[in-house]
PDB file of N, CA and C in Angstrom:
ATOM      1  N   UNK A   1     101.556 109.337  34.397  1.00  0.00           N
ATOM      2  CA  UNK A   1     101.417 108.842  35.766  1.00  0.00           C
ATOM      3  C   UNK A   1     102.580 107.839  36.477  1.00  0.00           C
ATOM      4  N   UNK A   2     103.213 108.172  37.359  1.00  0.00           N
ATOM      5  CA  UNK A   2     104.362 107.656  38.089  1.00  0.00           C
ATOM      6  C   UNK A   2     103.687 106.784  38.768  1.00  0.00           C
ATOM      7  N   UNK A   3     104.894 105.155  38.480  1.00  0.00           N
ATOM      8  CA  UNK A   3     104.086 104.089  38.844  1.00  0.00           C
ATOM      9  C   UNK A   3     104.851 104.621  40.751  1.00  0.00           C
ATOM     10  N   UNK A   4     104.041 104.309  41.976  1.00  0.00           N
ATOM     11  CA  UNK A   4     104.508 103.728  43.214  1.00  0.00           C
ATOM     12  C   UNK A   4     106.288 103.726  43.300  1.00  0.00           C
ATOM     13  N   UNK A   5     107.035 103.429  44.020  1.00  0.00           N
ATOM     14  CA  UNK A   5     108.506 103.411  43.998  1.00  0.00           C
ATOM     15  C   UNK A   5     108.261 101.648  44.136  1.00  0.00           C
ATOM     16  N   UNK A   6     107.804 100.636  44.823  1.00  0.00           N
ATOM     17  CA  UNK A   6     107.844  99.381  44.814  1.00  0.00           C
ATOM     18  C   UNK A   6     107.429  98.678  43.332  1.00  0.00           C
ATOM     19  N   UNK A   7     106.595  99.471  42.702  1.00  0.00           N
ATOM     20  CA  UNK A   7     106.495  98.904  41.319  1.00  0.00           C
ATOM     21  C   UNK A   7     107.273  99.118  40.344  1.00  0.00           C
ATOM     22  N   UNK A   8     108.455 100.396  40.848  1.00  0.00           N
ATOM     23  CA  UNK A   8     109.597  99.926  39.927  1.00  0.00           C
ATOM     24  C   UNK A   8     110.597  98.964  39.736  1.00  0.00           C
ATOM     25  N   UNK A   9     110.415  98.111  40.673  1.00  0.00           N
ATOM     26  CA  UNK A   9     111.534  96.935  40.880  1.00  0.00           C
ATOM     27  C   UNK A   9     112.542  97.459  41.146  1.00  0.00           C
ATOM     28  N   UNK A  10     112.948  98.234  42.190  1.00  0.00           N
ATOM     29  CA  UNK A  10     113.834  98.396  42.384  1.00  0.00           C
ATOM     30  C   UNK A  10     114.277  96.861  43.103  1.00  0.00           C
ATOM     31  N   UNK A  11     115.820  96.907  43.365  1.00  0.00           N
ATOM     32  CA  UNK A  11     116.621  95.724  44.206  1.00  0.00           C
ATOM     33  C   UNK A  11     116.203  95.723  45.694  1.00  0.00           C
ATOM     34  N   UNK A  12     116.172  95.100  46.531  1.00  0.00           N
ATOM     35  CA  UNK A  12     116.208  94.780  47.897  1.00  0.00           C
ATOM     36  C   UNK A  12     117.036  94.021  48.343  1.00  0.00           C
ATOM     37  N   UNK A  13     118.490  94.779  48.994  1.00  0.00           N
ATOM     38  CA  UNK A  13     119.662  93.699  49.878  1.00  0.00           C
ATOM     39  C   UNK A  13     118.958  93.812  51.164  1.00  0.00           C
ATOM     40  N   UNK A  14     119.819  92.475  51.588  1.00  0.00           N
ATOM     41  CA  UNK A  14     119.282  91.686  52.586  1.00  0.00           C
ATOM     42  C   UNK A  14     118.668  93.154  53.924  1.00  0.00           C
ATOM     43  N   UNK A  15     119.734  93.825  53.518  1.00  0.00           N
ATOM     44  CA  UNK A  15     119.047  94.666  55.114  1.00  0.00           C
ATOM     45  C   UNK A  15     118.140  95.706  54.770  1.00  0.00           C
ATOM     46  N   UNK A  16     117.713  95.671  53.786  1.00  0.00           N
ATOM     47  CA  UNK A  16     116.960  96.355  53.422  1.00  0.00           C
ATOM     48  C   UNK A  16     115.591  95.415  53.696  1.00  0.00           C
ATOM     49  N   UNK A  17     115.926  94.501  53.218  1.00  0.00           N
ATOM     50  CA  UNK A  17     114.298  93.513  53.137  1.00  0.00           C
ATOM     51  C   UNK A  17     114.108  92.894  54.823  1.00  0.00           C
ATOM     52  N   UNK A  18     115.047  93.124  55.878  1.00  0.00           N
ATOM     53  CA  UNK A  18     114.812  92.325  56.948  1.00  0.00           C
ATOM     54  C   UNK A  18     113.746  93.859  57.832  1.00  0.00           C
ATOM     55  N   UNK A  19     113.950  94.417  56.753  1.00  0.00           N
ATOM     56  CA  UNK A  19     113.183  95.897  57.550  1.00  0.00           C
ATOM     57  C   UNK A  19     111.780  96.209  56.940  1.00  0.00           C
ATOM     58  N   UNK A  20     111.820  95.852  55.588  1.00  0.00           N
ATOM     59  CA  UNK A  20     110.390  95.842  54.793  1.00  0.00           C
ATOM     60  C   UNK A  20     109.749  94.557  55.457  1.00  0.00           C
ATOM     61  N   UNK A  21     109.600  93.675  55.779  1.00  0.00           N
ATOM     62  CA  UNK A  21     109.311  92.349  56.215  1.00  0.00           C
ATOM     63  C   UNK A  21     109.079  92.105  57.778  1.00  0.00           C
ATOM     64  N   UNK A  22     110.403  92.884  58.323  1.00  0.00           N
ATOM     65  CA  UNK A  22     110.109  92.637  59.959  1.00  0.00           C
ATOM     66  C   UNK A  22     110.530  91.119  60.174  1.00  0.00           C
ATOM     67  N   UNK A  23     111.118  90.809  59.121  1.00  0.00           N
ATOM     68  CA  UNK A  23     111.861  89.147  59.645  1.00  0.00           C
ATOM     69  C   UNK A  23     113.315  89.593  59.328  1.00  0.00           C
ATOM     70  N   UNK A  24     113.791  88.798  60.971  1.00  0.00           N
ATOM     71  CA  UNK A  24     115.441  88.383  60.835  1.00  0.00           C
ATOM     72  C   UNK A  24     115.877  87.622  59.408  1.00  0.00           C
ATOM     73  N   UNK A  25     117.368  88.039  59.544  1.00  0.00           N
ATOM     74  CA  UNK A  25     118.239  87.743  58.280  1.00  0.00           C
ATOM     75  C   UNK A  25     117.874  86.053  58.564  1.00  0.00           C
ATOM     76  N   UNK A  26     117.887  85.202  59.551  1.00  0.00           N
ATOM     77  CA  UNK A  26     117.643  83.922  59.180  1.00  0.00           C
ATOM     78  C   UNK A  26     116.402  83.386  59.450  1.00  0.00           C
ATOM     79  N   UNK A  27     115.904  84.091  59.547  1.00  0.00           N
ATOM     80  CA  UNK A  27     114.314  84.371  59.050  1.00  0.00           C
ATOM     81  C   UNK A  27     113.480  83.675  57.671  1.00  0.00           C
ATOM     82  N   UNK A  28     114.555  84.655  57.381  1.00  0.00           N
ATOM     83  CA  UNK A  28     114.402  84.823  55.682  1.00  0.00           C
ATOM     84  C   UNK A  28     115.248  83.665  55.041  1.00  0.00           C
ATOM     85  N   UNK A  29     115.751  83.661  54.802  1.00  0.00           N
ATOM     86  CA  UNK A  29     117.015  82.786  54.738  1.00  0.00           C
ATOM     87  C   UNK A  29     116.470  80.791  55.246  1.00  0.00           C
ATOM     88  N   UNK A  30     115.417  81.241  56.028  1.00  0.00           N
ATOM     89  CA  UNK A  30     114.353  79.853  56.896  1.00  0.00           C
ATOM     90  C   UNK A  30     113.673  79.235  55.369  1.00  0.00           C
ATOM     91  N   UNK A  31     113.010  80.403  55.447  1.00  0.00           N
ATOM     92  CA  UNK A  31     111.681  80.717  54.766  1.00  0.00           C
ATOM     93  C   UNK A  31     112.222  80.446  52.864  1.00  0.00           C
ATOM     94  N   UNK A  32     113.616  80.064  52.494  1.00  0.00           N
ATOM     95  CA  UNK A  32     113.850  80.007  51.202  1.00  0.00           C
ATOM     96  C   UNK A  32     114.703  78.780  51.362  1.00  0.00           C
ATOM     97  N   UNK A  33     114.377  78.168  52.436  1.00  0.00           N
ATOM     98  CA  UNK A  33     115.470  76.345  52.615  1.00  0.00           C
ATOM     99  C   UNK A  33     114.759  75.856  52.245  1.00  0.00           C
ATOM    100  N   UNK A  34     114.033  74.980  51.439  1.00  0.00           N
ATOM    101  CA  UNK A  34     113.243  73.675  51.442  1.00  0.00           C
ATOM    102  C   UNK A  34     113.382  72.730  52.466  1.00  0.00           C
ATOM    103  N   UNK A  35     114.605  72.504  53.250  1.00  0.00           N
ATOM    104  CA  UNK A  35     114.875  71.494  54.197  1.00  0.00           C
ATOM    105  C   UNK A  35     114.005  72.422  55.868  1.00  0.00           C
ATOM    106  N   UNK A  36     113.844  73.504  55.666  1.00  0.00           N
ATOM    107  CA  UNK A  36     113.234  73.998  56.715  1.00  0.00           C
ATOM    108  C   UNK A  36     111.748  74.028  57.096  1.00  0.00           C
ATOM    109  N   UNK A  37     111.340  73.988  58.638  1.00  0.00           N
ATOM    110  CA  UNK A  37     110.307  73.726  58.958  1.00  0.00           C
ATOM    111  C   UNK A  37     109.622  75.310  58.522  1.00  0.00           C
ATOM    112  N   UNK A  38     109.941  76.465  58.440  1.00  0.00           N
ATOM    113  CA  UNK A  38     109.681  77.087  58.198  1.00  0.00           C
ATOM    114  C   UNK A  38     109.592  77.979  56.305  1.00  0.00           C
ATOM    115  N   UNK A  39     110.297  76.861  55.740  1.00  0.00           N
ATOM    116  CA  UNK A  39     109.922  77.115  54.251  1.00  0.00           C
ATOM    117  C   UNK A  39     108.764  77.648  53.998  1.00  0.00           C
ATOM    118  N   UNK A  40     108.730  78.421  53.030  1.00  0.00           N
ATOM    119  CA  UNK A  40     107.060  78.888  52.394  1.00  0.00           C
ATOM    120  C   UNK A  40     107.599  79.509  50.914  1.00  0.00           C
ATOM    121  N   UNK A  41     107.105  78.482  50.229  1.00  0.00           N
ATOM    122  CA  UNK A  41     106.841  78.749  48.594  1.00  0.00           C
ATOM    123  C   UNK A  41     106.584  79.165  48.171  1.00  0.00           C
ATOM    124  N   UNK A  42     106.121  80.700  48.556  1.00  0.00           N
ATOM    125  CA  UNK A  42     105.109  81.686  47.779  1.00  0.00           C
ATOM    126  C   UNK A  42     106.615  83.044  48.373  1.00  0.00           C
ATOM    127  N   UNK A  43     107.323  83.025  49.174  1.00  0.00           N
ATOM    128  CA  UNK A  43     108.632  84.122  49.252  1.00  0.00           C
ATOM    129  C   UNK A  43     109.495  83.675  48.248  1.00  0.00           C
ATOM    130  N   UNK A  44     109.173  84.978  48.054  1.00  0.00           N
ATOM    131  CA  UNK A  44     110.289  85.183  46.693  1.00  0.00           C
ATOM    132  C   UNK A  44     111.455  85.545  46.608  1.00  0.00           C
ATOM    133  N   UNK A  45     112.481  84.410  45.405  1.00  0.00           N
ATOM    134  CA  UNK A  45     113.378  84.390  45.151  1.00  0.00           C
ATOM    135  C   UNK A  45     114.387  85.146  44.985  1.00  0.00           C
ATOM    136  N   UNK A  46     115.452  85.080  45.680  1.00  0.00           N
ATOM    137  CA  UNK A  46     116.633  86.107  45.033  1.00  0.00           C
ATOM    138  C   UNK A  46     117.241  86.098  43.733  1.00  0.00           C
ATOM    139  N   UNK A  47     117.627  87.245  43.374  1.00  0.00           N
ATOM    140  CA  UNK A  47     118.180  87.217  42.552  1.00  0.00           C
ATOM    141  C   UNK A  47     119.556  87.262  42.300  1.00  0.00           C
ATOM    142  N   UNK A  48     120.177  87.041  41.835  1.00  0.00           N
ATOM    143  CA  UNK A  48     122.056  87.031  41.870  1.00  0.00           C
ATOM    144  C   UNK A  48     121.767  88.114  41.254  1.00  0.00           C
ATOM    145  N   UNK A  49     123.034  88.985  41.567  1.00  0.00           N
ATOM    146  CA  UNK A  49     123.403  90.526  41.663  1.00  0.00           C
ATOM    147  C   UNK A  49     125.127  90.555  41.051  1.00  0.00           C
ATOM    148  N   UNK A  50     125.944  89.352  41.637  1.00  0.00           N
ATOM    149  CA  UNK A  50     127.408  89.443  41.152  1.00  0.00           C
ATOM    150  C   UNK A  50     127.642  87.883  41.928  1.00  0.00           C
ATOM    151  N   UNK A  51     128.856  87.895  42.020  1.00  0.00           N
ATOM    152  CA  UNK A  51     129.415  86.198  42.333  1.00  0.00           C
ATOM    153  C   UNK A  51     128.984  86.020  43.906  1.00  0.00           C
ATOM    154  N   UNK A  52     128.605  87.393  44.682  1.00  0.00           N
ATOM    155  CA  UNK A  52     128.598  86.755  46.125  1.00  0.00           C
ATOM    156  C   UNK A  52     127.212  87.732  46.715  1.00  0.00           C
ATOM    157  N   UNK A  53     126.361  88.261  45.844  1.00  0.00           N
ATOM    158  CA  UNK A  53     125.880  89.547  46.263  1.00  0.00           C
ATOM    159  C   UNK A  53     124.220  88.922  45.676  1.00  0.00           C
ATOM    160  N   UNK A  54     123.370  88.586  46.208  1.00  0.00           N
ATOM    161  CA  UNK A  54     121.341  88.498  45.957  1.00  0.00           C
ATOM    162  C   UNK A  54     120.996  89.637  46.704  1.00  0.00           C
ATOM    163  N   UNK A  55     120.011  89.468  45.475  1.00  0.00           N
ATOM    164  CA  UNK A  55     118.883  90.864  46.009  1.00  0.00           C
ATOM    165  C   UNK A  55     117.351  90.160  45.678  1.00  0.00           C
ATOM    166  N   UNK A  56     115.972  91.482  46.134  1.00  0.00           N
ATOM    167  CA  UNK A  56     115.089  90.691  45.898  1.00  0.00           C
ATOM    168  C   UNK A  56     114.484  91.908  45.250  1.00  0.00           C
ATOM    169  N   UNK A  57     113.391  91.200  44.214  1.00  0.00           N
ATOM    170  CA  UNK A  57     112.778  92.550  43.209  1.00  0.00           C
ATOM    171  C   UNK A  57     111.510  92.899  44.462  1.00  0.00           C
ATOM    172  N   UNK A  58     111.315  94.033  44.185  1.00  0.00           N
ATOM    173  CA  UNK A  58     110.610  94.491  45.644  1.00  0.00           C
ATOM    174  C   UNK A  58     109.158  94.873  44.834  1.00  0.00           C
ATOM    175  N   UNK A  59     108.898  94.549  43.954  1.00  0.00           N
ATOM    176  CA  UNK A  59     107.185  93.945  43.330  1.00  0.00           C
ATOM    177  C   UNK A  59     107.398  92.791  43.824  1.00  0.00           C
ATOM    178  N   UNK A  60     108.022  92.100  43.863  1.00  0.00           N
ATOM    179  CA  UNK A  60     107.803  90.517  44.496  1.00  0.00           C
ATOM    180  C   UNK A  60     107.471  90.248  45.976  1.00  0.00           C
ATOM    181  N   UNK A  61     108.749  91.381  46.320  1.00  0.00           N
ATOM    182  CA  UNK A  61     108.098  91.165  48.350  1.00  0.00           C
ATOM    183  C   UNK A  61     107.136  91.838  48.353  1.00  0.00           C
ATOM    184  N   UNK A  62     106.446  93.105  47.786  1.00  0.00           N
ATOM    185  CA  UNK A  62     105.656  94.084  47.933  1.00  0.00           C
ATOM    186  C   UNK A  62     104.015  92.619  47.821  1.00  0.00           C
ATOM    187  N   UNK A  63     104.349  92.195  46.702  1.00  0.00           N
ATOM    188  CA  UNK A  63     103.334  90.831  46.110  1.00  0.00           C
ATOM    189  C   UNK A  63     102.936  90.443  47.336  1.00  0.00           C
ATOM    190  N   UNK A  64     104.177  89.465  47.923  1.00  0.00           N
ATOM    191  CA  UNK A  64     104.250  88.339  49.041  1.00  0.00           C
ATOM    192  C   UNK A  64     103.175  89.268  50.313  1.00  0.00           C
ATOM    193  N   UNK A  65     103.738  90.099  50.691  1.00  0.00           N
ATOM    194  CA  UNK A  65     103.160  91.363  52.095  1.00  0.00           C
ATOM    195  C   UNK A  65     101.673  91.248  51.598  1.00  0.00           C
ATOM    196  N   UNK A  66     101.553  91.628  50.765  1.00  0.00           N
ATOM    197  CA  UNK A  66     100.232  91.756  50.170  1.00  0.00           C
ATOM    198  C   UNK A  66      99.627  90.567  50.132  1.00  0.00           C
ATOM    199  N   UNK A  67      99.511  89.176  49.405  1.00  0.00           N
ATOM    200  CA  UNK A  67      99.116  87.972  49.948  1.00  0.00           C
ATOM    201  C   UNK A  67      98.979  87.421  51.235  1.00  0.00           C
ATOM    202  N   UNK A  68      99.916  87.840  52.322  1.00  0.00           N
ATOM    203  CA  UNK A  68      99.834  88.315  53.983  1.00  0.00           C
ATOM    204  C   UNK A  68      98.517  88.931  54.496  1.00  0.00           C
ATOM    205  N   UNK A  69      98.376  90.256  53.810  1.00  0.00           N
ATOM    206  CA  UNK A  69      97.570  91.236  54.815  1.00  0.00           C
ATOM    207  C   UNK A  69      96.242  90.148  53.650  1.00  0.00           C
ATOM    208  N   UNK A  70      96.188  90.027  52.947  1.00  0.00           N
ATOM    209  CA  UNK A  70      95.073  89.152  52.362  1.00  0.00           C
ATOM    210  C   UNK A  70      94.287  87.621  53.172  1.00  0.00           C
ATOM    211  N   UNK A  71      95.327  87.660  53.149  1.00  0.00           N
ATOM    212  CA  UNK A  71      94.856  85.771  53.852  1.00  0.00           C
ATOM    213  C   UNK A  71      94.847  86.502  55.332  1.00  0.00           C
ATOM    214  N   UNK A  72      95.220  87.201  55.799  1.00  0.00           N
ATOM    215  CA  UNK A  72      94.494  87.814  57.237  1.00  0.00           C
ATOM    216  C   UNK A  72      93.644  88.105  57.425  1.00  0.00           C
ATOM    217  N   UNK A  73      93.099  89.357  56.254  1.00  0.00           N
ATOM    218  CA  UNK A  73      91.600  89.977  56.248  1.00  0.00           C
ATOM    219  C   UNK A  73      90.914  88.727  55.930  1.00  0.00           C
ATOM    220  N   UNK A  74      91.462  87.330  55.153  1.00  0.00           N
ATOM    221  CA  UNK A  74      90.073  86.448  54.388  1.00  0.00           C
ATOM    222  C   UNK A  74      89.286  85.842  56.239  1.00  0.00           C
ATOM    223  N   UNK A  75      90.617  85.683  57.176  1.00  0.00           N
ATOM    224  CA  UNK A  75      89.743  84.976  58.249  1.00  0.00           C
ATOM    225  C   UNK A  75      89.057  85.502  58.825  1.00  0.00           C
ATOM    226  N   UNK A  76      88.804  86.835  58.667  1.00  0.00           N
ATOM    227  CA  UNK A  76      87.368  87.796  59.962  1.00  0.00           C
ATOM    228  C   UNK A  76      88.189  89.204  60.863  1.00  0.00           C
ATOM    229  N   UNK A  77      87.199  89.106  61.190  1.00  0.00           N
ATOM    230  CA  UNK A  77      87.638  90.031  62.319  1.00  0.00           C
ATOM    231  C   UNK A  77      88.368  89.922  63.224  1.00  0.00           C
ATOM    232  N   UNK A  78      88.160  88.429  63.871  1.00  0.00           N
ATOM    233  CA  UNK A  78      88.871  88.188  65.013  1.00  0.00           C
ATOM    234  C   UNK A  78      90.033  87.746  64.906  1.00  0.00           C
ATOM    235  N   UNK A  79      90.377  87.183  63.626  1.00  0.00           N
ATOM    236  CA  UNK A  79      92.012  86.635  63.467  1.00  0.00           C
ATOM    237  C   UNK A  79      92.295  85.716  64.213  1.00  0.00           C
ATOM    238  N   UNK A  80      93.455  85.308  64.093  1.00  0.00           N
ATOM    239  CA  UNK A  80      93.961  83.930  64.131  1.00  0.00           C
ATOM    240  C   UNK A  80      94.944  84.356  65.951  1.00  0.00           C
ATOM    241  N   UNK A  81      95.064  83.430  66.791  1.00  0.00           N
ATOM    242  CA  UNK A  81      96.029  84.501  67.852  1.00  0.00           C
ATOM    243  C   UNK A  81      96.464  83.064  68.153  1.00  0.00           C
TER     244      UNK A  81
END
């Protein structure tokens, strides 16, 4: 049985990452910046692809998204507004 595409460890570049997460480029880099108030230690780290290129492993991105969905479900039906 074939693995779903997101489990095949594709590399997402920043353009794909913004589409998949719904976050802007600057929000993504804020989540990675230890000095930012929006820093998220759980957000996937980038993988160096070359001297000036990085990407993100699809499995890590989808695991992060899944954790956000689980956190939402644990709040209850009313959610946080």
